[in-house]
């Protein structure tokens, strides 16, 4: 026998989701458009709050409102949570699945309320539907959110609720549907309503934390990215250099720096305009990135200058990489843009000596030699030969 009233449990569980829904609605309006699903989570939280109140008022309001409205509200709310999670992680939303579950639930609950009254049948119907939605929600969170602790927490919550709901279904069938009413006195029903209350309370908070964490990560990435090209900005590049240099100092490796300048870029801007110039900067970034390997660090150093940090490679390999990049740019296979080329200077030195000042100075000297030699070419720093 439970020591507390199950109706009170439902009423208490309705408060927090409703409050969090208002918070999510308010904050979600200021989120970037690429953070999706927050509105669905908020709607789901608001509906689960209303549905819990309707279920708690059974006997005090008409059955069509309490039974049909409350149970269908639970299906809609959990379905919206699922859709919000899918949109948040860039997955196609399961609108058809949720609509099908709602239709089955509405028809089944109506039939078992008026045509063939059966509290046990209604409980079995709604629990099977909710279990199916919980399973899909759990799968989305544990698969797509495996690198996010908040997502894993939500996934764990829904996994527990799935297990409890399945237990509720199995024990209902095993007991011949005895004592399956909403307020039936028993351990399983108490556990079922208790975990449901905890889920509604904690899931809404976890959804909000998940969205806030995504916003934080996105803002951090924007702070480290060039707004035009999406490449590392100078601050991020300096951080990458510091980390790579520390690694090379431990292993005895060497660092290379490619300093790249787009040839006659001022003339291009004066002739074709700054909009076309920006398009060229983006085009260069995309085509150069396709040549570079994953272990390099590619940044926009400023204006039409770019840098590439290459850790641990031999001078001849770095030179071949730079030459492949220069040749790729010289192809001029984008008919919507004027032809352009680039010049590249390479610095190469041991990790202990590879301060950013030293690398930039050596690469800059090599770059100016490339320009004096007619541009559209690659030059290796004289200092690299002495290393």
Protein backbone atom coordinates (compact mmCIF):
# COMPACT_ATOMS: atom_id res chain seq x y z
CA UNK A 1 0.00 0.00 0.00
CA UNK A 2 1.46 3.38 -0.95
CA UNK A 3 1.90 5.90 1.83
CA UNK A 4 0.71 8.77 -0.35
CA UNK A 5 -2.18 9.55 -2.66
CA UNK A 6 -1.52 8.70 -6.31
CA UNK A 7 -3.80 11.50 -7.42
CA UNK A 8 -1.50 13.90 -5.59
CA UNK A 9 1.49 12.44 -7.42
CA UNK A 10 -0.14 13.30 -10.76
CA UNK A 11 -0.98 16.83 -9.67
CA UNK A 12 2.54 17.44 -8.36
CA UNK A 13 4.08 16.13 -11.58
CA UNK A 14 2.07 18.63 -13.61
CA UNK A 15 3.62 21.76 -12.11
CA UNK A 16 7.28 21.65 -13.16
CA UNK A 17 6.77 20.75 -16.83
CA UNK A 18 4.38 23.65 -17.24
CA UNK A 19 6.82 26.11 -15.69
CA UNK A 20 9.72 24.78 -17.75
CA UNK A 21 7.58 24.99 -20.88
CA UNK A 22 7.21 28.73 -20.32
CA UNK A 23 10.97 29.07 -19.80
CA UNK A 24 11.72 27.07 -22.96
CA UNK A 25 9.23 29.08 -25.02
CA UNK A 26 10.82 32.32 -23.81
CA UNK A 27 14.45 31.29 -24.30
CA UNK A 28 13.82 29.31 -27.46
CA UNK A 29 12.77 32.47 -29.28
CA UNK A 30 16.29 33.85 -28.92
CA UNK A 31 18.05 30.67 -30.02
CA UNK A 32 19.69 30.53 -33.47
CA UNK A 33 17.48 28.97 -36.12
CA UNK A 34 19.85 26.02 -36.53
CA UNK A 35 19.10 24.86 -32.96
CA UNK A 36 15.85 23.09 -33.71
CA UNK A 37 13.35 21.15 -31.67
CA UNK A 38 13.21 23.41 -28.59
CA UNK A 39 9.71 24.57 -29.49
CA UNK A 40 8.55 20.94 -29.80
CA UNK A 41 10.04 20.12 -26.39
CA UNK A 42 8.31 23.16 -24.89
CA UNK A 43 4.95 22.22 -26.40
CA UNK A 44 5.37 18.67 -25.16
CA UNK A 45 6.15 19.88 -21.64
CA UNK A 46 3.10 22.15 -21.60
CA UNK A 47 0.80 19.41 -22.90
CA UNK A 48 2.09 16.80 -20.43
CA UNK A 49 1.36 19.30 -17.66
CA UNK A 50 -2.24 19.77 -18.84
CA UNK A 51 -2.68 16.02 -19.44
CA UNK A 52 -1.49 15.19 -15.92
CA UNK A 53 -4.03 17.60 -14.47
CA UNK A 54 -6.84 16.06 -16.54
CA UNK A 55 -5.87 12.54 -15.46
CA UNK A 56 -5.72 13.65 -11.82
CA UNK A 57 -9.21 15.14 -12.08
CA UNK A 58 -10.79 11.86 -13.20
CA UNK A 59 -14.19 11.59 -11.57
CA UNK A 60 -14.45 15.32 -11.19
CA UNK A 61 -14.64 16.13 -14.91
CA UNK A 62 -16.39 14.30 -17.78
CA UNK A 63 -14.79 11.04 -18.88
CA UNK A 64 -14.26 12.28 -22.43
CA UNK A 65 -12.08 15.07 -21.04
CA UNK A 66 -10.26 13.13 -18.35
CA UNK A 67 -9.82 9.74 -20.01
CA UNK A 68 -9.69 10.58 -23.71
CA UNK A 69 -8.20 14.06 -23.35
CA UNK A 70 -5.70 13.08 -20.66
CA UNK A 71 -4.42 9.93 -22.35
CA UNK A 72 -4.28 11.48 -25.81
CA UNK A 73 -2.46 14.44 -24.27
CA UNK A 74 0.18 12.06 -22.93
CA UNK A 75 0.62 10.57 -26.41
CA UNK A 76 0.91 14.01 -28.01
CA UNK A 77 3.35 15.29 -25.40
CA UNK A 78 5.70 12.31 -25.58
CA UNK A 79 5.39 12.36 -29.36
CA UNK A 80 6.41 16.03 -29.44
CA UNK A 81 9.39 15.24 -27.24
CA UNK A 82 10.42 12.57 -29.73
CA UNK A 83 9.99 14.91 -32.69
CA UNK A 84 11.87 17.68 -30.88
CA UNK A 85 14.77 15.32 -30.20
CA UNK A 86 14.88 14.17 -33.82
CA UNK A 87 14.89 17.74 -35.12
CA UNK A 88 17.52 18.74 -32.54
CA UNK A 89 19.88 16.06 -33.83
CA UNK A 90 19.07 16.69 -37.50
CA UNK A 91 16.97 13.55 -38.00
CA UNK A 92 13.71 13.40 -39.99
CA UNK A 93 10.82 13.92 -37.55
CA UNK A 94 8.43 10.99 -37.09
CA UNK A 95 5.21 12.91 -37.66
CA UNK A 96 3.45 9.94 -39.29
CA UNK A 97 4.41 7.60 -36.47
CA UNK A 98 3.18 10.02 -33.79
CA UNK A 99 -0.04 10.71 -35.71
CA UNK A 100 -0.66 6.97 -36.07
CA UNK A 101 -0.08 6.40 -32.36
CA UNK A 102 -2.47 9.27 -31.53
CA UNK A 103 -5.16 7.91 -33.86
CA UNK A 104 -4.88 4.40 -32.41
CA UNK A 105 -4.92 5.80 -28.89
CA UNK A 106 -7.94 8.05 -29.48
CA UNK A 107 -9.96 5.29 -31.16
CA UNK A 108 -8.91 2.63 -28.66
CA UNK A 109 -9.58 4.75 -25.58
CA UNK A 110 -12.95 5.88 -26.95
CA UNK A 111 -14.02 2.34 -27.79
CA UNK A 112 -12.93 1.01 -24.40
CA UNK A 113 -14.70 3.87 -22.62
CA UNK A 114 -18.12 3.80 -24.27
CA UNK A 115 -18.56 0.90 -26.72
CA UNK A 116 -16.82 -1.82 -24.67
CA UNK A 117 -15.99 -0.27 -21.29
CA UNK A 118 -12.78 -1.70 -19.83
CA UNK A 119 -10.37 0.12 -17.54
CA UNK A 120 -7.88 -2.71 -18.02
CA UNK A 121 -8.12 -2.43 -21.80
CA UNK A 122 -7.59 1.33 -21.67
CA UNK A 123 -4.52 0.92 -19.47
CA UNK A 124 -3.06 -1.72 -21.77
CA UNK A 125 -3.73 0.39 -24.88
CA UNK A 126 -2.13 3.58 -23.59
CA UNK A 127 0.84 1.79 -22.01
CA UNK A 128 1.72 -0.10 -25.19
CA UNK A 129 1.58 3.13 -27.22
CA UNK A 130 3.69 5.07 -24.71
CA UNK A 131 6.21 2.24 -24.54
CA UNK A 132 6.66 2.37 -28.32
CA UNK A 133 7.25 6.13 -28.22
CA UNK A 134 9.63 5.81 -25.26
CA UNK A 135 11.67 3.19 -27.12
CA UNK A 136 12.17 5.49 -30.10
CA UNK A 137 13.00 8.44 -27.84
CA UNK A 138 15.57 6.36 -25.97
CA UNK A 139 17.14 5.21 -29.23
CA UNK A 140 17.45 8.77 -30.58
CA UNK A 141 19.06 10.09 -27.41
CA UNK A 142 21.52 7.23 -26.88
CA UNK A 143 22.50 7.08 -30.55
CA UNK A 144 22.73 10.74 -31.54
CA UNK A 145 23.57 12.22 -28.15
CA UNK A 146 26.28 9.78 -27.09
CA UNK A 147 28.84 12.61 -26.88
CA UNK A 148 26.61 14.82 -24.75
CA UNK A 149 26.10 14.02 -21.05
CA UNK A 150 22.71 15.80 -20.96
CA UNK A 151 21.45 13.73 -23.90
CA UNK A 152 22.71 10.53 -22.28
CA UNK A 153 20.89 11.51 -19.09
CA UNK A 154 17.63 12.02 -21.00
CA UNK A 155 18.18 8.71 -22.77
CA UNK A 156 18.68 6.96 -19.43
CA UNK A 157 15.46 8.52 -18.08
CA UNK A 158 13.45 7.28 -21.03
CA UNK A 159 15.11 3.87 -20.88
CA UNK A 160 14.00 3.49 -17.26
CA UNK A 161 10.50 4.70 -18.09
CA UNK A 162 10.35 2.27 -21.01
CA UNK A 163 11.29 -0.62 -18.73
CA UNK A 164 8.69 0.40 -16.11
CA UNK A 165 5.98 0.82 -18.75
CA UNK A 166 6.75 -2.58 -20.26
CA UNK A 167 6.66 -4.05 -16.74
CA UNK A 168 3.24 -2.43 -16.28
CA UNK A 169 1.99 -4.06 -19.48
CA UNK A 170 3.42 -7.49 -18.62
CA UNK A 171 2.08 -7.52 -15.06
CA UNK A 172 -1.33 -6.38 -16.29
CA UNK A 173 -1.52 -9.30 -18.70
CA UNK A 174 -0.04 -11.72 -16.21
CA UNK A 175 -2.58 -10.81 -13.53
CA UNK A 176 -5.49 -11.18 -15.90
CA UNK A 177 -5.89 -7.41 -15.99
CA UNK A 178 -6.74 -7.27 -12.31
CA UNK A 179 -6.18 -3.98 -10.51
CA UNK A 180 -5.16 -2.03 -13.60
CA UNK A 181 -7.00 1.22 -12.91
CA UNK A 182 -5.12 4.49 -12.79
CA UNK A 183 -5.28 4.62 -9.01
CA UNK A 184 -4.99 0.87 -8.41
CA UNK A 185 -3.19 0.13 -5.16
CA UNK A 186 -0.07 -1.86 -5.89
CA UNK A 187 3.69 -1.68 -6.15
CA UNK A 188 3.86 -1.68 -9.96
CA UNK A 189 1.24 1.04 -10.40
CA UNK A 190 2.91 3.18 -7.73
CA UNK A 191 6.27 2.65 -9.43
CA UNK A 192 4.70 3.44 -12.81
CA UNK A 193 3.16 6.74 -11.70
CA UNK A 194 6.21 7.66 -9.62
CA UNK A 195 8.70 7.19 -12.46
CA UNK A 196 6.32 8.99 -14.80
CA UNK A 197 6.26 11.95 -12.42
CA UNK A 198 10.05 11.95 -12.15
CA UNK A 199 10.39 11.70 -15.94
CA UNK A 200 8.12 14.67 -16.58
CA UNK A 201 9.97 16.72 -13.97
CA UNK A 202 13.54 15.87 -14.98
CA UNK A 203 13.17 15.43 -18.74
CA UNK A 204 11.99 19.00 -19.25
CA UNK A 205 14.95 20.32 -17.25
CA UNK A 206 17.36 18.04 -19.14
CA UNK A 207 15.94 19.16 -22.51
CA UNK A 208 16.61 22.76 -21.54
CA UNK A 209 20.16 21.93 -20.44
CA UNK A 210 20.69 20.09 -23.72
CA UNK A 211 19.63 23.13 -25.73
CA UNK A 212 21.73 25.50 -23.60
CA UNK A 213 24.78 23.29 -24.01
CA UNK A 214 24.31 23.25 -27.79
CA UNK A 215 24.08 27.06 -27.75
CA UNK A 216 27.25 27.31 -25.64
CA UNK A 217 29.21 25.05 -27.97
CA UNK A 218 27.98 26.95 -31.00
CA UNK A 219 28.96 30.30 -29.51
CA UNK A 220 32.41 28.94 -28.66
CA UNK A 221 32.83 27.69 -32.20
CA UNK A 222 31.76 31.03 -33.62
CA UNK A 223 34.30 32.77 -31.39
CA UNK A 224 37.03 30.60 -32.94
CA UNK A 225 35.91 30.75 -36.56
CA UNK A 226 36.32 33.33 -39.30
CA UNK A 227 32.78 34.58 -40.03
CA UNK A 228 33.26 34.70 -43.82
CA UNK A 229 35.11 31.48 -44.62
CA UNK A 230 34.32 29.37 -41.56
CA UNK A 231 38.03 28.61 -41.14
CA UNK A 232 39.91 28.98 -37.88
CA UNK A 233 40.46 32.60 -36.95
CA UNK A 234 43.82 33.86 -35.67
CA UNK A 235 42.96 33.18 -32.03
CA UNK A 236 42.01 29.56 -32.75
CA UNK A 237 45.09 29.11 -34.92
CA UNK A 238 47.37 30.34 -32.13
CA UNK A 239 45.72 27.87 -29.75
CA UNK A 240 46.31 25.06 -32.24
CA UNK A 241 49.93 26.11 -32.69
CA UNK A 242 50.53 26.12 -28.94
CA UNK A 243 49.13 22.62 -28.55
CA UNK A 244 51.04 21.23 -31.54
CA UNK A 245 54.29 22.84 -30.44
CA UNK A 246 54.01 21.35 -26.96
CA UNK A 247 53.41 17.95 -28.55
CA UNK A 248 56.39 18.30 -30.91
CA UNK A 249 58.64 19.37 -28.02
CA UNK A 250 57.76 16.14 -26.19
CA UNK A 251 58.23 13.89 -29.23
CA UNK A 252 61.11 15.74 -30.92
CA UNK A 253 59.02 16.45 -34.01
CA UNK A 254 59.02 19.48 -36.29
CA UNK A 255 56.45 22.05 -37.33
CA UNK A 256 55.80 23.60 -40.71
CA UNK A 257 53.88 26.73 -41.52
CA UNK A 258 52.44 27.61 -44.92
CA UNK A 259 51.79 31.33 -45.36
CA UNK A 260 49.50 31.82 -48.38
CA UNK A 261 48.68 35.06 -50.16
CA UNK A 262 46.18 35.45 -53.00
CA UNK A 263 47.97 37.15 -55.88
CA UNK A 264 46.89 40.66 -56.97
CA UNK A 265 43.85 40.49 -54.68
CA UNK A 266 43.59 44.26 -54.37
CA UNK A 267 43.32 44.52 -58.15
CA UNK A 268 40.58 41.89 -58.13
CA UNK A 269 38.66 43.87 -55.50
CA UNK A 270 39.07 47.13 -57.41
CA UNK A 271 38.03 45.52 -60.70
CA UNK A 272 35.19 43.22 -59.66
CA UNK A 273 34.09 44.66 -56.32
CA UNK A 274 34.37 43.48 -52.74
CA UNK A 275 31.40 41.11 -53.02
CA UNK A 276 33.17 39.16 -55.73
CA UNK A 277 36.34 39.36 -53.65
CA UNK A 278 34.55 37.74 -50.74
CA UNK A 279 33.30 34.99 -53.03
CA UNK A 280 36.89 34.32 -54.07
CA UNK A 281 37.99 34.08 -50.44
CA UNK A 282 35.26 31.53 -49.77
CA UNK A 283 36.07 29.63 -52.97
CA UNK A 284 39.75 29.50 -52.06
CA UNK A 285 38.94 28.25 -48.56
CA UNK A 286 36.77 25.43 -49.85
CA UNK A 287 39.17 24.28 -52.58
CA UNK A 288 42.25 24.50 -50.35
CA UNK A 289 40.51 22.61 -47.53
CA UNK A 290 39.80 19.76 -49.96
CA UNK A 291 43.56 19.36 -50.51
CA UNK A 292 44.68 19.54 -46.90
CA UNK A 293 44.78 16.52 -44.63
CA UNK A 294 42.91 16.19 -41.35
CA UNK A 295 45.93 16.70 -39.10
CA UNK A 296 46.64 20.18 -40.50
CA UNK A 297 45.23 23.44 -39.11
CA UNK A 298 43.89 25.86 -41.72
CA UNK A 299 43.13 29.48 -40.83
CA UNK A 300 42.41 32.86 -42.31
CA UNK A 301 45.31 34.92 -41.00
CA UNK A 302 43.87 38.23 -42.14
CA UNK A 303 42.60 39.84 -45.35
CA UNK A 304 43.68 37.64 -48.26
CA UNK A 305 46.36 35.83 -46.23
CA UNK A 306 45.91 32.28 -44.97
CA UNK A 307 48.02 29.96 -42.85
CA UNK A 308 48.33 26.20 -42.63
CA UNK A 309 50.10 24.52 -39.71
CA UNK A 310 51.49 21.10 -40.57
CA UNK A 311 52.87 19.06 -37.66
CA UNK A 312 55.43 16.30 -37.93
CA UNK A 313 55.93 16.05 -41.72
CA UNK A 314 59.17 16.04 -43.72
CA UNK A 315 60.12 19.20 -45.68
CA UNK A 316 59.63 17.50 -49.04
CA UNK A 317 56.17 16.28 -48.04
CA UNK A 318 55.17 19.75 -46.90
CA UNK A 319 56.49 21.23 -50.15
CA UNK A 320 54.49 18.67 -52.18
CA UNK A 321 51.37 19.54 -50.19
CA UNK A 322 51.87 23.26 -50.84
CA UNK A 323 52.48 22.65 -54.54
CA UNK A 324 49.34 20.52 -54.81
CA UNK A 325 47.36 23.33 -53.15
CA UNK A 326 48.84 25.97 -55.48
CA UNK A 327 48.11 23.85 -58.57
CA UNK A 328 44.54 23.22 -57.46
CA UNK A 329 43.86 26.93 -57.06
CA UNK A 330 45.48 27.75 -60.42
CA UNK A 331 43.03 25.47 -62.25
CA UNK A 332 40.34 28.19 -62.10
CA UNK A 333 37.50 25.74 -62.64
CA UNK A 334 34.80 28.03 -61.25
CA UNK A 335 33.38 29.94 -64.26
CA UNK A 336 31.44 32.33 -62.04
CA UNK A 337 34.66 33.79 -60.60
CA UNK A 338 37.58 35.61 -62.21
CA UNK A 339 40.83 33.66 -62.48
CA UNK A 340 43.17 33.98 -59.53
CA UNK A 341 46.32 32.33 -58.17
CA UNK A 342 48.19 32.16 -54.90
CA UNK A 343 51.78 32.30 -53.67
CA UNK A 344 53.00 30.20 -50.75
CA UNK A 345 55.95 30.55 -48.36
CA UNK A 346 56.97 27.63 -46.16
CA UNK A 347 58.72 27.70 -42.77
CA UNK A 348 60.05 24.48 -41.28
CA UNK A 349 61.75 24.12 -37.91
CA UNK A 350 62.10 21.95 -34.80
CA UNK A 351 59.30 22.08 -32.23
CA UNK A 352 61.42 23.79 -29.58
CA UNK A 353 62.31 26.65 -31.92
CA UNK A 354 58.92 26.80 -33.63
CA UNK A 355 57.48 29.85 -31.91
CA UNK A 356 54.71 31.49 -33.89
CA UNK A 357 56.92 34.56 -34.36
CA UNK A 358 59.74 32.44 -35.81
CA UNK A 359 57.45 30.49 -38.11
CA UNK A 360 55.64 33.56 -39.42
CA UNK A 361 58.91 35.45 -39.97
CA UNK A 362 60.52 32.58 -41.92
CA UNK A 363 57.35 31.87 -43.94
CA UNK A 364 56.88 35.57 -44.69
CA UNK A 365 60.42 35.83 -46.10
CA UNK A 366 59.78 32.79 -48.29
CA UNK A 367 56.45 34.24 -49.42
CA UNK A 368 58.05 37.51 -50.54
CA UNK A 369 60.62 35.54 -52.48
CA UNK A 370 57.77 33.70 -54.21
CA UNK A 371 56.23 37.06 -55.15
CA UNK A 372 59.55 38.36 -56.48
CA UNK A 373 59.85 35.20 -58.57
CA UNK A 374 56.64 35.99 -60.44
CA UNK A 375 53.95 34.80 -57.99
CA UNK A 376 51.86 31.61 -58.39
CA UNK A 377 54.70 29.55 -56.94
CA UNK A 378 55.95 27.92 -53.73
CA UNK A 379 59.15 28.82 -51.86
CA UNK A 380 60.76 27.12 -48.86
CA UNK A 381 62.41 29.31 -46.23
CA UNK A 382 66.21 29.42 -46.35
CA UNK A 383 66.21 28.78 -42.61
CA UNK A 384 64.54 25.41 -43.16
CA UNK A 385 67.63 24.09 -44.98
CA UNK A 386 69.73 24.69 -41.88
CA UNK A 387 67.47 22.64 -39.56
